[in-house]
Amino acid sequence: MQKLKFFTVGFFVQVLIALIMFAVGAFLYNQLPDMIPSHWGINGEIDSYLPKLTGIILFPAITLVLAFLFPLISSIDPRKEKYVLFKRPWLVLQISIVLFFAYMYFITLYMAFYPATLIVPFIFGGIGVLFILMGNYLGKIRQNYFVGIKTPWTIDNEEVWNKTNRLGGWMFLIAGLVIFAEAFIQWHYLIIFIITVVLASIVPIIYSYIIFKKKK
């Protein structure tokens, strides 16, 4: 069986994205205000700040850690041989998450220059796209201990895993479309977001229990 490589082209792409983030932050350092936005309240207004140096380092550093963490978890997974069966979906999910961090970093820098800009459309648009990508590939994830919808019933039975993650993929895809639409509609966006995410998370868990009990 083909062995999973720790360092791949995907890994170096993720490292490159993190380095670009560092470079952009360094380039803008002298132009940025002393305090950078770090959190927004439910009304979309800035309610917390970080010192400039911390602000430009934090997101790129987290992204760089993720680039090393992804191959690490797949190499220590007791079912690491499964990762060979879903290399492409796993790579797409990794890069999608890293790009989301980069996207949020650049949005934060933009908001440092234009703090009066409403951030809700940017955040919901980014989360929506991330969920859509996750939904498209979640059903192709094979049974493992780190990636996918993990419940006692999916871990115990591979068929339950496959059916649950296929449903989860559809749920995340629909959730992503709803959240992305909210970026433009902004109709009770916080309530819509919470309901959508809760349903996308809870329904597959309940489904995994039901089909597991039916099999038993």
N, C-alpha and C. Protein backbone atom coordinates (compact mmCIF):
# COMPACT_ATOMS: atom_id res chain seq x y z
N MET A 1 0.85 -1.20 0.00
CA MET A 1 0.00 0.00 0.00
C MET A 1 0.88 1.25 0.00
N GLN A 2 0.46 2.27 -0.75
CA GLN A 2 1.22 3.51 -0.81
C GLN A 2 1.22 4.19 0.54
N LYS A 3 2.38 4.66 0.97
CA LYS A 3 2.52 5.31 2.25
C LYS A 3 2.20 6.80 2.12
N LEU A 4 1.65 7.35 3.19
CA LEU A 4 1.34 8.76 3.22
C LEU A 4 2.61 9.54 3.52
N LYS A 5 2.92 10.52 2.71
CA LYS A 5 4.12 11.34 2.92
C LYS A 5 3.80 12.48 3.88
N PHE A 6 4.76 12.79 4.74
CA PHE A 6 4.56 13.86 5.72
C PHE A 6 4.64 15.22 5.04
N PHE A 7 5.71 15.44 4.27
CA PHE A 7 5.89 16.70 3.57
C PHE A 7 5.49 16.53 2.11
N THR A 8 4.50 17.30 1.67
CA THR A 8 3.98 17.20 0.32
C THR A 8 3.94 18.58 -0.31
N VAL A 9 3.55 18.62 -1.58
CA VAL A 9 3.37 19.90 -2.25
C VAL A 9 2.32 20.73 -1.52
N GLY A 10 1.25 20.06 -1.06
CA GLY A 10 0.20 20.76 -0.32
C GLY A 10 0.74 21.41 0.94
N PHE A 11 1.64 20.72 1.63
CA PHE A 11 2.25 21.29 2.84
C PHE A 11 3.02 22.56 2.51
N PHE A 12 3.82 22.53 1.46
CA PHE A 12 4.62 23.70 1.11
C PHE A 12 3.74 24.84 0.59
N VAL A 13 2.61 24.52 -0.03
CA VAL A 13 1.67 25.56 -0.43
C VAL A 13 1.11 26.28 0.79
N GLN A 14 0.78 25.50 1.82
CA GLN A 14 0.25 26.09 3.05
C GLN A 14 1.30 26.95 3.75
N VAL A 15 2.52 26.48 3.79
CA VAL A 15 3.61 27.27 4.38
C VAL A 15 3.79 28.56 3.60
N LEU A 16 3.72 28.48 2.27
CA LEU A 16 3.86 29.66 1.43
C LEU A 16 2.76 30.68 1.73
N ILE A 17 1.52 30.19 1.91
CA ILE A 17 0.41 31.10 2.25
C ILE A 17 0.70 31.82 3.56
N ALA A 18 1.19 31.07 4.56
CA ALA A 18 1.51 31.68 5.86
C ALA A 18 2.62 32.72 5.71
N LEU A 19 3.63 32.42 4.89
CA LEU A 19 4.74 33.37 4.68
C LEU A 19 4.26 34.63 3.96
N ILE A 20 3.33 34.47 3.02
CA ILE A 20 2.75 35.64 2.34
C ILE A 20 2.01 36.52 3.34
N MET A 21 1.30 35.87 4.27
CA MET A 21 0.61 36.63 5.32
C MET A 21 1.60 37.42 6.16
N PHE A 22 2.70 36.78 6.57
CA PHE A 22 3.75 37.48 7.32
C PHE A 22 4.28 38.66 6.51
N ALA A 23 4.51 38.43 5.23
CA ALA A 23 5.11 39.46 4.37
C ALA A 23 4.17 40.66 4.22
N VAL A 24 2.88 40.39 4.03
CA VAL A 24 1.91 41.49 3.88
C VAL A 24 1.83 42.29 5.18
N GLY A 25 1.80 41.59 6.31
CA GLY A 25 1.75 42.28 7.59
C GLY A 25 2.98 43.14 7.82
N ALA A 26 4.15 42.62 7.46
CA ALA A 26 5.39 43.38 7.62
C ALA A 26 5.40 44.60 6.70
N PHE A 27 4.89 44.42 5.48
CA PHE A 27 4.86 45.51 4.51
C PHE A 27 3.97 46.66 4.98
N LEU A 28 2.85 46.31 5.63
CA LEU A 28 1.88 47.31 6.07
C LEU A 28 2.14 47.82 7.49
N TYR A 29 3.15 47.28 8.14
CA TYR A 29 3.35 47.54 9.57
C TYR A 29 3.39 49.03 9.89
N ASN A 30 4.19 49.79 9.19
CA ASN A 30 4.35 51.22 9.50
C ASN A 30 3.09 52.03 9.19
N GLN A 31 2.24 51.52 8.32
CA GLN A 31 1.03 52.26 7.96
C GLN A 31 -0.15 51.93 8.88
N LEU A 32 -0.07 50.80 9.57
CA LEU A 32 -1.18 50.36 10.42
C LEU A 32 -1.26 51.19 11.70
N PRO A 33 -2.46 51.34 12.26
CA PRO A 33 -2.58 52.02 13.56
C PRO A 33 -1.96 51.17 14.67
N ASP A 34 -1.74 51.78 15.81
CA ASP A 34 -1.07 51.08 16.91
C ASP A 34 -1.89 49.91 17.44
N MET A 35 -3.21 49.99 17.34
CA MET A 35 -4.08 48.92 17.79
C MET A 35 -4.88 48.39 16.60
N ILE A 36 -4.96 47.04 16.50
CA ILE A 36 -5.63 46.39 15.37
C ILE A 36 -6.88 45.67 15.89
N PRO A 37 -8.00 45.74 15.16
CA PRO A 37 -9.21 45.03 15.60
C PRO A 37 -8.95 43.52 15.74
N SER A 38 -9.51 42.95 16.80
CA SER A 38 -9.34 41.51 17.01
C SER A 38 -10.66 40.79 17.26
N HIS A 39 -11.73 41.55 17.51
CA HIS A 39 -13.02 40.91 17.77
C HIS A 39 -14.13 41.89 17.47
N TRP A 40 -15.28 41.31 17.01
CA TRP A 40 -16.45 42.12 16.70
C TRP A 40 -17.64 41.59 17.48
N GLY A 41 -18.49 42.48 17.95
CA GLY A 41 -19.69 42.09 18.68
C GLY A 41 -20.79 41.61 17.75
N ILE A 42 -21.92 41.21 18.32
CA ILE A 42 -23.01 40.67 17.51
C ILE A 42 -23.62 41.73 16.59
N ASN A 43 -23.37 43.00 16.90
CA ASN A 43 -23.86 44.07 16.03
C ASN A 43 -22.87 44.40 14.91
N GLY A 44 -21.75 43.67 14.87
CA GLY A 44 -20.77 43.87 13.82
C GLY A 44 -19.78 44.97 14.08
N GLU A 45 -19.84 45.57 15.27
CA GLU A 45 -18.91 46.64 15.62
C GLU A 45 -17.72 46.10 16.39
N ILE A 46 -16.56 46.74 16.21
CA ILE A 46 -15.33 46.31 16.88
C ILE A 46 -15.48 46.50 18.38
N ASP A 47 -15.17 45.44 19.16
CA ASP A 47 -15.24 45.57 20.61
C ASP A 47 -13.96 45.11 21.31
N SER A 48 -12.93 44.80 20.52
CA SER A 48 -11.66 44.39 21.12
C SER A 48 -10.52 44.65 20.14
N TYR A 49 -9.36 45.00 20.69
CA TYR A 49 -8.20 45.32 19.87
C TYR A 49 -6.97 44.57 20.38
N LEU A 50 -5.97 44.44 19.51
CA LEU A 50 -4.67 43.88 19.87
C LEU A 50 -3.58 44.88 19.49
N PRO A 51 -2.47 44.88 20.22
CA PRO A 51 -1.34 45.71 19.79
C PRO A 51 -0.93 45.33 18.36
N LYS A 52 -0.43 46.31 17.63
CA LYS A 52 -0.15 46.10 16.21
C LYS A 52 0.77 44.92 15.95
N LEU A 53 1.85 44.79 16.69
CA LEU A 53 2.80 43.71 16.45
C LEU A 53 2.15 42.35 16.67
N THR A 54 1.40 42.22 17.77
CA THR A 54 0.69 40.96 18.04
C THR A 54 -0.34 40.68 16.95
N GLY A 55 -1.03 41.72 16.54
CA GLY A 55 -2.09 41.55 15.55
C GLY A 55 -1.59 41.05 14.21
N ILE A 56 -0.42 41.53 13.78
CA ILE A 56 0.05 41.11 12.45
C ILE A 56 0.77 39.76 12.49
N ILE A 57 1.12 39.29 13.69
CA ILE A 57 1.84 38.02 13.81
C ILE A 57 0.90 36.85 14.11
N LEU A 58 -0.18 37.11 14.86
CA LEU A 58 -0.99 36.03 15.41
C LEU A 58 -1.59 35.12 14.34
N PHE A 59 -2.32 35.67 13.38
CA PHE A 59 -2.97 34.85 12.36
C PHE A 59 -1.96 34.10 11.48
N PRO A 60 -0.92 34.76 11.00
CA PRO A 60 0.08 34.01 10.23
C PRO A 60 0.73 32.90 11.04
N ALA A 61 0.96 33.14 12.34
CA ALA A 61 1.58 32.11 13.18
C ALA A 61 0.65 30.91 13.33
N ILE A 62 -0.64 31.18 13.57
CA ILE A 62 -1.61 30.08 13.67
C ILE A 62 -1.67 29.30 12.37
N THR A 63 -1.65 30.02 11.25
CA THR A 63 -1.70 29.37 9.94
C THR A 63 -0.48 28.48 9.72
N LEU A 64 0.68 28.96 10.13
CA LEU A 64 1.90 28.17 10.00
C LEU A 64 1.84 26.91 10.87
N VAL A 65 1.31 27.05 12.07
CA VAL A 65 1.15 25.89 12.96
C VAL A 65 0.21 24.87 12.32
N LEU A 66 -0.87 25.35 11.71
CA LEU A 66 -1.81 24.43 11.04
C LEU A 66 -1.12 23.66 9.92
N ALA A 67 -0.25 24.34 9.17
CA ALA A 67 0.46 23.68 8.07
C ALA A 67 1.26 22.48 8.57
N PHE A 68 1.82 22.59 9.77
CA PHE A 68 2.58 21.47 10.35
C PHE A 68 1.66 20.48 11.06
N LEU A 69 0.54 21.00 11.60
CA LEU A 69 -0.36 20.13 12.36
C LEU A 69 -1.09 19.14 11.47
N PHE A 70 -1.52 19.57 10.29
CA PHE A 70 -2.29 18.69 9.41
C PHE A 70 -1.55 17.39 9.07
N PRO A 71 -0.31 17.45 8.57
CA PRO A 71 0.38 16.19 8.28
C PRO A 71 0.71 15.41 9.54
N LEU A 72 0.87 16.13 10.67
CA LEU A 72 1.18 15.44 11.91
C LEU A 72 0.03 14.56 12.36
N ILE A 73 -1.19 15.11 12.34
CA ILE A 73 -2.33 14.32 12.83
C ILE A 73 -2.61 13.12 11.91
N SER A 74 -2.36 13.30 10.61
CA SER A 74 -2.59 12.17 9.71
C SER A 74 -1.50 11.10 9.86
N SER A 75 -0.33 11.50 10.37
CA SER A 75 0.74 10.52 10.54
C SER A 75 0.64 9.76 11.86
N ILE A 76 -0.07 10.33 12.85
CA ILE A 76 -0.20 9.66 14.15
C ILE A 76 -1.56 8.98 14.30
N ASP A 77 -2.47 9.20 13.35
CA ASP A 77 -3.79 8.57 13.41
C ASP A 77 -3.64 7.04 13.37
N PRO A 78 -4.29 6.33 14.31
CA PRO A 78 -4.23 4.86 14.26
C PRO A 78 -4.72 4.26 12.95
N ARG A 79 -5.52 5.02 12.23
CA ARG A 79 -6.00 4.57 10.92
C ARG A 79 -5.38 5.41 9.80
N LYS A 80 -4.11 5.69 9.95
CA LYS A 80 -3.44 6.57 8.99
C LYS A 80 -3.42 6.00 7.58
N GLU A 81 -3.54 4.69 7.45
CA GLU A 81 -3.55 4.10 6.10
C GLU A 81 -4.79 4.54 5.32
N LYS A 82 -5.83 4.97 6.02
CA LYS A 82 -7.06 5.41 5.36
C LYS A 82 -6.85 6.72 4.60
N TYR A 83 -5.90 7.54 5.06
CA TYR A 83 -5.71 8.86 4.45
C TYR A 83 -5.28 8.75 2.99
N VAL A 84 -4.65 7.65 2.64
CA VAL A 84 -4.27 7.44 1.25
C VAL A 84 -5.50 7.35 0.36
N LEU A 85 -6.64 6.90 0.94
CA LEU A 85 -7.86 6.72 0.18
C LEU A 85 -8.60 8.04 -0.07
N PHE A 86 -8.25 9.08 0.69
CA PHE A 86 -8.92 10.37 0.45
C PHE A 86 -7.90 11.51 0.46
N LYS A 87 -6.80 11.30 -0.23
CA LYS A 87 -5.73 12.30 -0.26
C LYS A 87 -6.21 13.64 -0.82
N ARG A 88 -6.92 13.60 -1.96
CA ARG A 88 -7.36 14.85 -2.58
C ARG A 88 -8.37 15.61 -1.70
N PRO A 89 -9.45 14.95 -1.20
CA PRO A 89 -10.36 15.68 -0.31
C PRO A 89 -9.66 16.24 0.92
N TRP A 90 -8.74 15.47 1.49
CA TRP A 90 -8.01 15.92 2.67
C TRP A 90 -7.15 17.14 2.34
N LEU A 91 -6.52 17.13 1.18
CA LEU A 91 -5.71 18.27 0.77
C LEU A 91 -6.58 19.51 0.55
N VAL A 92 -7.71 19.32 -0.11
CA VAL A 92 -8.61 20.45 -0.37
C VAL A 92 -9.10 21.05 0.94
N LEU A 93 -9.45 20.20 1.91
CA LEU A 93 -9.91 20.69 3.21
C LEU A 93 -8.81 21.46 3.93
N GLN A 94 -7.58 20.94 3.88
CA GLN A 94 -6.47 21.65 4.53
C GLN A 94 -6.27 23.04 3.94
N ILE A 95 -6.16 23.09 2.62
CA ILE A 95 -5.89 24.37 1.97
C ILE A 95 -7.07 25.33 2.14
N SER A 96 -8.29 24.78 2.15
CA SER A 96 -9.47 25.63 2.37
C SER A 96 -9.42 26.31 3.73
N ILE A 97 -9.05 25.56 4.76
CA ILE A 97 -8.97 26.11 6.11
C ILE A 97 -7.86 27.15 6.19
N VAL A 98 -6.71 26.85 5.60
CA VAL A 98 -5.58 27.78 5.62
C VAL A 98 -5.94 29.07 4.86
N LEU A 99 -6.59 28.93 3.71
CA LEU A 99 -7.00 30.10 2.94
C LEU A 99 -8.04 30.92 3.70
N PHE A 100 -8.89 30.24 4.47
CA PHE A 100 -9.88 30.97 5.28
C PHE A 100 -9.18 31.82 6.33
N PHE A 101 -8.15 31.27 6.97
CA PHE A 101 -7.38 32.04 7.94
C PHE A 101 -6.70 33.23 7.27
N ALA A 102 -6.16 33.01 6.08
CA ALA A 102 -5.52 34.09 5.34
C ALA A 102 -6.55 35.17 4.99
N TYR A 103 -7.71 34.73 4.54
CA TYR A 103 -8.79 35.65 4.18
C TYR A 103 -9.18 36.51 5.39
N MET A 104 -9.38 35.89 6.55
CA MET A 104 -9.76 36.62 7.75
C MET A 104 -8.65 37.58 8.19
N TYR A 105 -7.42 37.18 7.96
CA TYR A 105 -6.28 38.04 8.30
C TYR A 105 -6.29 39.31 7.45
N PHE A 106 -6.48 39.14 6.17
CA PHE A 106 -6.49 40.30 5.28
C PHE A 106 -7.70 41.20 5.54
N ILE A 107 -8.84 40.58 5.90
CA ILE A 107 -10.01 41.37 6.26
C ILE A 107 -9.73 42.18 7.52
N THR A 108 -9.04 41.57 8.49
CA THR A 108 -8.70 42.27 9.72
C THR A 108 -7.79 43.46 9.44
N LEU A 109 -6.81 43.28 8.57
CA LEU A 109 -5.92 44.39 8.21
C LEU A 109 -6.71 45.49 7.52
N TYR A 110 -7.63 45.10 6.65
CA TYR A 110 -8.47 46.09 5.97
C TYR A 110 -9.30 46.88 6.97
N MET A 111 -9.86 46.17 7.95
CA MET A 111 -10.69 46.83 8.96
C MET A 111 -9.87 47.75 9.85
N ALA A 112 -8.57 47.47 9.98
CA ALA A 112 -7.71 48.36 10.76
C ALA A 112 -7.62 49.73 10.09
N PHE A 113 -7.66 49.75 8.76
CA PHE A 113 -7.63 51.01 8.02
C PHE A 113 -9.01 51.65 7.91
N TYR A 114 -10.06 50.80 7.83
CA TYR A 114 -11.43 51.30 7.63
C TYR A 114 -12.35 50.68 8.69
N PRO A 115 -12.18 51.09 9.96
CA PRO A 115 -12.93 50.45 11.06
C PRO A 115 -14.44 50.63 10.99
N ALA A 116 -14.92 51.61 10.25
CA ALA A 116 -16.36 51.84 10.16
C ALA A 116 -17.05 50.89 9.19
N THR A 117 -16.28 50.12 8.43
CA THR A 117 -16.85 49.18 7.46
C THR A 117 -17.57 48.05 8.18
N LEU A 118 -18.75 47.69 7.70
CA LEU A 118 -19.50 46.57 8.29
C LEU A 118 -18.81 45.25 7.91
N ILE A 119 -18.43 44.49 8.92
CA ILE A 119 -17.65 43.28 8.66
C ILE A 119 -18.51 42.05 8.41
N VAL A 120 -19.80 42.12 8.78
CA VAL A 120 -20.67 40.94 8.68
C VAL A 120 -20.67 40.31 7.28
N PRO A 121 -20.81 41.10 6.20
CA PRO A 121 -20.80 40.47 4.87
C PRO A 121 -19.50 39.72 4.58
N PHE A 122 -18.38 40.27 5.03
CA PHE A 122 -17.09 39.63 4.78
C PHE A 122 -16.98 38.30 5.54
N ILE A 123 -17.36 38.32 6.81
CA ILE A 123 -17.25 37.10 7.63
C ILE A 123 -18.21 36.02 7.12
N PHE A 124 -19.46 36.39 6.88
CA PHE A 124 -20.43 35.40 6.42
C PHE A 124 -20.08 34.87 5.04
N GLY A 125 -19.57 35.74 4.18
CA GLY A 125 -19.15 35.28 2.86
C GLY A 125 -18.04 34.26 2.96
N GLY A 126 -17.04 34.53 3.82
CA GLY A 126 -15.92 33.61 3.99
C GLY A 126 -16.34 32.29 4.60
N ILE A 127 -17.16 32.35 5.66
CA ILE A 127 -17.63 31.12 6.31
C ILE A 127 -18.50 30.31 5.35
N GLY A 128 -19.34 31.02 4.59
CA GLY A 128 -20.20 30.33 3.63
C GLY A 128 -19.41 29.54 2.60
N VAL A 129 -18.39 30.17 2.03
CA VAL A 129 -17.55 29.48 1.05
C VAL A 129 -16.82 28.30 1.69
N LEU A 130 -16.32 28.48 2.92
CA LEU A 130 -15.62 27.39 3.61
C LEU A 130 -16.56 26.21 3.83
N PHE A 131 -17.78 26.47 4.27
CA PHE A 131 -18.74 25.40 4.49
C PHE A 131 -19.11 24.69 3.20
N ILE A 132 -19.24 25.45 2.12
CA ILE A 132 -19.56 24.85 0.82
C ILE A 132 -18.45 23.90 0.39
N LEU A 133 -17.21 24.32 0.54
CA LEU A 133 -16.07 23.47 0.19
C LEU A 133 -16.03 22.22 1.07
N MET A 134 -16.23 22.41 2.38
CA MET A 134 -16.25 21.28 3.29
C MET A 134 -17.37 20.31 2.94
N GLY A 135 -18.53 20.85 2.60
CA GLY A 135 -19.66 20.01 2.25
C GLY A 135 -19.42 19.18 1.01
N ASN A 136 -18.70 19.75 0.05
CA ASN A 136 -18.43 19.04 -1.20
C ASN A 136 -17.49 17.85 -1.01
N TYR A 137 -16.66 17.90 0.03
CA TYR A 137 -15.64 16.86 0.19
C TYR A 137 -15.82 16.00 1.44
N LEU A 138 -16.71 16.40 2.33
CA LEU A 138 -16.89 15.65 3.58
C LEU A 138 -17.31 14.21 3.33
N GLY A 139 -18.18 14.00 2.36
CA GLY A 139 -18.67 12.65 2.08
C GLY A 139 -17.61 11.72 1.52
N LYS A 140 -16.47 12.26 1.12
CA LYS A 140 -15.39 11.44 0.56
C LYS A 140 -14.33 11.09 1.59
N ILE A 141 -14.50 11.59 2.81
CA ILE A 141 -13.55 11.28 3.88
C ILE A 141 -13.79 9.86 4.37
N ARG A 142 -12.71 9.09 4.47
CA ARG A 142 -12.83 7.71 4.96
C ARG A 142 -12.58 7.65 6.47
N GLN A 143 -13.00 6.58 7.07
CA GLN A 143 -13.01 6.42 8.52
C GLN A 143 -11.63 6.67 9.13
N ASN A 144 -11.58 7.59 10.09
CA ASN A 144 -10.34 7.91 10.81
C ASN A 144 -10.71 8.57 12.14
N TYR A 145 -9.71 8.99 12.90
CA TYR A 145 -9.96 9.52 14.23
C TYR A 145 -9.89 11.05 14.32
N PHE A 146 -9.53 11.74 13.24
CA PHE A 146 -9.33 13.18 13.31
C PHE A 146 -10.21 14.00 12.37
N VAL A 147 -10.50 13.49 11.20
CA VAL A 147 -11.16 14.29 10.16
C VAL A 147 -12.54 13.70 9.86
N GLY A 148 -13.55 14.57 9.77
CA GLY A 148 -14.89 14.10 9.45
C GLY A 148 -15.81 14.16 10.66
N ILE A 149 -17.00 13.58 10.52
CA ILE A 149 -17.98 13.55 11.60
C ILE A 149 -17.72 12.31 12.44
N LYS A 150 -17.17 12.53 13.63
CA LYS A 150 -16.75 11.43 14.49
C LYS A 150 -17.71 11.30 15.67
N THR A 151 -18.40 10.20 15.73
CA THR A 151 -19.25 9.85 16.87
C THR A 151 -18.87 8.44 17.28
N PRO A 152 -19.31 7.99 18.46
CA PRO A 152 -19.01 6.60 18.83
C PRO A 152 -19.51 5.60 17.80
N TRP A 153 -20.57 5.96 17.07
CA TRP A 153 -21.20 5.03 16.14
C TRP A 153 -20.50 5.05 14.77
N THR A 154 -20.00 6.20 14.36
CA THR A 154 -19.26 6.24 13.09
C THR A 154 -17.88 5.62 13.24
N ILE A 155 -17.28 5.80 14.42
CA ILE A 155 -15.96 5.19 14.66
C ILE A 155 -16.07 3.68 14.74
N ASP A 156 -17.20 3.21 15.26
CA ASP A 156 -17.38 1.76 15.44
C ASP A 156 -17.68 1.03 14.14
N ASN A 157 -18.36 1.71 13.21
CA ASN A 157 -18.84 1.01 12.01
C ASN A 157 -18.55 1.84 10.77
N GLU A 158 -17.87 1.26 9.80
CA GLU A 158 -17.45 2.01 8.62
C GLU A 158 -18.62 2.41 7.74
N GLU A 159 -19.63 1.53 7.65
CA GLU A 159 -20.80 1.88 6.84
C GLU A 159 -21.55 3.06 7.45
N VAL A 160 -21.66 3.07 8.78
CA VAL A 160 -22.30 4.19 9.46
C VAL A 160 -21.49 5.46 9.22
N TRP A 161 -20.16 5.34 9.26
CA TRP A 161 -19.29 6.48 8.98
C TRP A 161 -19.58 7.05 7.60
N ASN A 162 -19.58 6.19 6.58
CA ASN A 162 -19.76 6.65 5.21
C ASN A 162 -21.11 7.32 5.00
N LYS A 163 -22.17 6.72 5.52
CA LYS A 163 -23.51 7.29 5.35
C LYS A 163 -23.64 8.61 6.11
N THR A 164 -23.10 8.65 7.32
CA THR A 164 -23.19 9.87 8.13
C THR A 164 -22.43 11.02 7.50
N ASN A 165 -21.24 10.75 7.00
CA ASN A 165 -20.44 11.82 6.41
C ASN A 165 -20.99 12.28 5.07
N ARG A 166 -21.66 11.37 4.34
CA ARG A 166 -22.33 11.82 3.12
C ARG A 166 -23.48 12.78 3.46
N LEU A 167 -24.28 12.42 4.48
CA LEU A 167 -25.34 13.32 4.91
C LEU A 167 -24.74 14.63 5.43
N GLY A 168 -23.67 14.51 6.23
CA GLY A 168 -23.01 15.70 6.76
C GLY A 168 -22.52 16.61 5.65
N GLY A 169 -22.04 16.02 4.57
CA GLY A 169 -21.59 16.81 3.43
C GLY A 169 -22.71 17.65 2.86
N TRP A 170 -23.88 17.03 2.69
CA TRP A 170 -25.04 17.77 2.18
C TRP A 170 -25.48 18.85 3.16
N MET A 171 -25.44 18.54 4.44
CA MET A 171 -25.86 19.52 5.45
C MET A 171 -24.92 20.73 5.46
N PHE A 172 -23.61 20.47 5.36
CA PHE A 172 -22.65 21.58 5.35
C PHE A 172 -22.76 22.38 4.06
N LEU A 173 -23.04 21.70 2.95
CA LEU A 173 -23.21 22.40 1.69
C LEU A 173 -24.41 23.35 1.75
N ILE A 174 -25.53 22.85 2.25
CA ILE A 174 -26.74 23.68 2.38
C ILE A 174 -26.48 24.82 3.36
N ALA A 175 -25.84 24.50 4.50
CA ALA A 175 -25.52 25.53 5.48
C ALA A 175 -24.64 26.61 4.87
N GLY A 176 -23.66 26.20 4.07
CA GLY A 176 -22.77 27.16 3.44
C GLY A 176 -23.52 28.08 2.48
N LEU A 177 -24.44 27.53 1.72
CA LEU A 177 -25.23 28.34 0.79
C LEU A 177 -26.10 29.35 1.55
N VAL A 178 -26.71 28.91 2.66
CA VAL A 178 -27.55 29.80 3.46
C VAL A 178 -26.71 30.91 4.07
N ILE A 179 -25.56 30.55 4.65
CA ILE A 179 -24.69 31.55 5.29
C ILE A 179 -24.15 32.53 4.26
N PHE A 180 -23.76 32.02 3.09
CA PHE A 180 -23.26 32.90 2.04
C PHE A 180 -24.36 33.87 1.59
N ALA A 181 -25.59 33.38 1.46
CA ALA A 181 -26.69 34.25 1.07
C ALA A 181 -26.93 35.33 2.13
N GLU A 182 -26.75 34.97 3.41
CA GLU A 182 -26.94 35.93 4.49
C GLU A 182 -25.93 37.07 4.43
N ALA A 183 -24.78 36.83 3.79
CA ALA A 183 -23.78 37.89 3.64
C ALA A 183 -24.36 39.07 2.85
N PHE A 184 -25.34 38.79 2.00
CA PHE A 184 -25.95 39.83 1.18
C PHE A 184 -27.33 40.24 1.70
N ILE A 185 -28.07 39.26 2.23
CA ILE A 185 -29.44 39.55 2.70
C ILE A 185 -29.41 40.21 4.08
N GLN A 186 -28.60 39.63 4.99
CA GLN A 186 -28.46 40.12 6.37
C GLN A 186 -29.82 40.23 7.06
N TRP A 187 -30.58 39.16 7.00
CA TRP A 187 -31.90 39.09 7.62
C TRP A 187 -31.79 38.25 8.89
N HIS A 188 -31.74 38.90 10.05
CA HIS A 188 -31.55 38.21 11.33
C HIS A 188 -30.33 37.27 11.23
N TYR A 189 -29.23 37.81 10.77
CA TYR A 189 -28.07 36.98 10.41
C TYR A 189 -27.54 36.13 11.55
N LEU A 190 -27.57 36.66 12.78
CA LEU A 190 -27.02 35.89 13.90
C LEU A 190 -27.90 34.67 14.20
N ILE A 191 -29.21 34.86 14.22
CA ILE A 191 -30.14 33.75 14.48
C ILE A 191 -30.04 32.71 13.36
N ILE A 192 -30.01 33.18 12.12
CA ILE A 192 -29.90 32.27 10.97
C ILE A 192 -28.60 31.47 11.05
N PHE A 193 -27.53 32.15 11.40
CA PHE A 193 -26.23 31.48 11.48
C PHE A 193 -26.24 30.38 12.54
N ILE A 194 -26.73 30.71 13.73
CA ILE A 194 -26.74 29.73 14.83
C ILE A 194 -27.61 28.53 14.47
N ILE A 195 -28.81 28.78 13.97
CA ILE A 195 -29.72 27.68 13.61
C ILE A 195 -29.09 26.80 12.53
N THR A 196 -28.52 27.43 11.53
CA THR A 196 -27.93 26.69 10.41
C THR A 196 -26.77 25.81 10.87
N VAL A 197 -25.87 26.37 11.66
CA VAL A 197 -24.70 25.61 12.13
C VAL A 197 -25.12 24.48 13.07
N VAL A 198 -26.07 24.77 13.96
CA VAL A 198 -26.54 23.74 14.90
C VAL A 198 -27.17 22.57 14.14
N LEU A 199 -28.01 22.87 13.17
CA LEU A 199 -28.65 21.81 12.39
C LEU A 199 -27.62 21.00 11.61
N ALA A 200 -26.67 21.69 10.98
CA ALA A 200 -25.64 21.00 10.20
C ALA A 200 -24.78 20.10 11.07
N SER A 201 -24.66 20.43 12.36
CA SER A 201 -23.83 19.65 13.27
C SER A 201 -24.61 18.53 13.95
N ILE A 202 -25.84 18.83 14.38
CA ILE A 202 -26.60 17.89 15.19
C ILE A 202 -27.28 16.80 14.35
N VAL A 203 -27.83 17.17 13.21
CA VAL A 203 -28.58 16.19 12.40
C VAL A 203 -27.72 14.98 12.03
N PRO A 204 -26.48 15.15 11.53
CA PRO A 204 -25.67 13.97 11.22
C PRO A 204 -25.35 13.11 12.45
N ILE A 205 -25.20 13.74 13.61
CA ILE A 205 -24.93 12.97 14.83
C ILE A 205 -26.12 12.09 15.18
N ILE A 206 -27.31 12.67 15.14
CA ILE A 206 -28.53 11.89 15.42
C ILE A 206 -28.69 10.78 14.38
N TYR A 207 -28.45 11.12 13.14
CA TYR A 207 -28.57 10.15 12.05
C TYR A 207 -27.62 8.97 12.25
N SER A 208 -26.38 9.26 12.69
CA SER A 208 -25.41 8.18 12.91
C SER A 208 -25.88 7.22 13.99
N TYR A 209 -26.51 7.75 15.02
CA TYR A 209 -27.04 6.89 16.10
C TYR A 209 -28.19 6.03 15.59
N ILE A 210 -29.10 6.63 14.81
CA ILE A 210 -30.27 5.91 14.32
C ILE A 210 -29.87 4.74 13.42
N ILE A 211 -28.99 5.00 12.45
CA ILE A 211 -28.63 3.92 11.52
C ILE A 211 -27.74 2.88 12.21
N PHE A 212 -26.99 3.30 13.22
CA PHE A 212 -26.18 2.32 13.99
C PHE A 212 -27.11 1.36 14.74
N LYS A 213 -28.15 1.91 15.38
CA LYS A 213 -29.09 1.07 16.14
C LYS A 213 -29.85 0.14 15.21
N LYS A 214 -30.17 0.62 14.00
CA LYS A 214 -30.87 -0.23 13.04
C LYS A 214 -30.00 -1.40 12.62
N LYS A 215 -28.71 -1.14 12.46
CA LYS A 215 -27.80 -2.22 12.06
C LYS A 215 -27.64 -3.25 13.17
N LYS A 216 -27.69 -2.79 14.42
CA LYS A 216 -27.53 -3.70 15.54
C LYS A 216 -28.79 -4.51 15.81
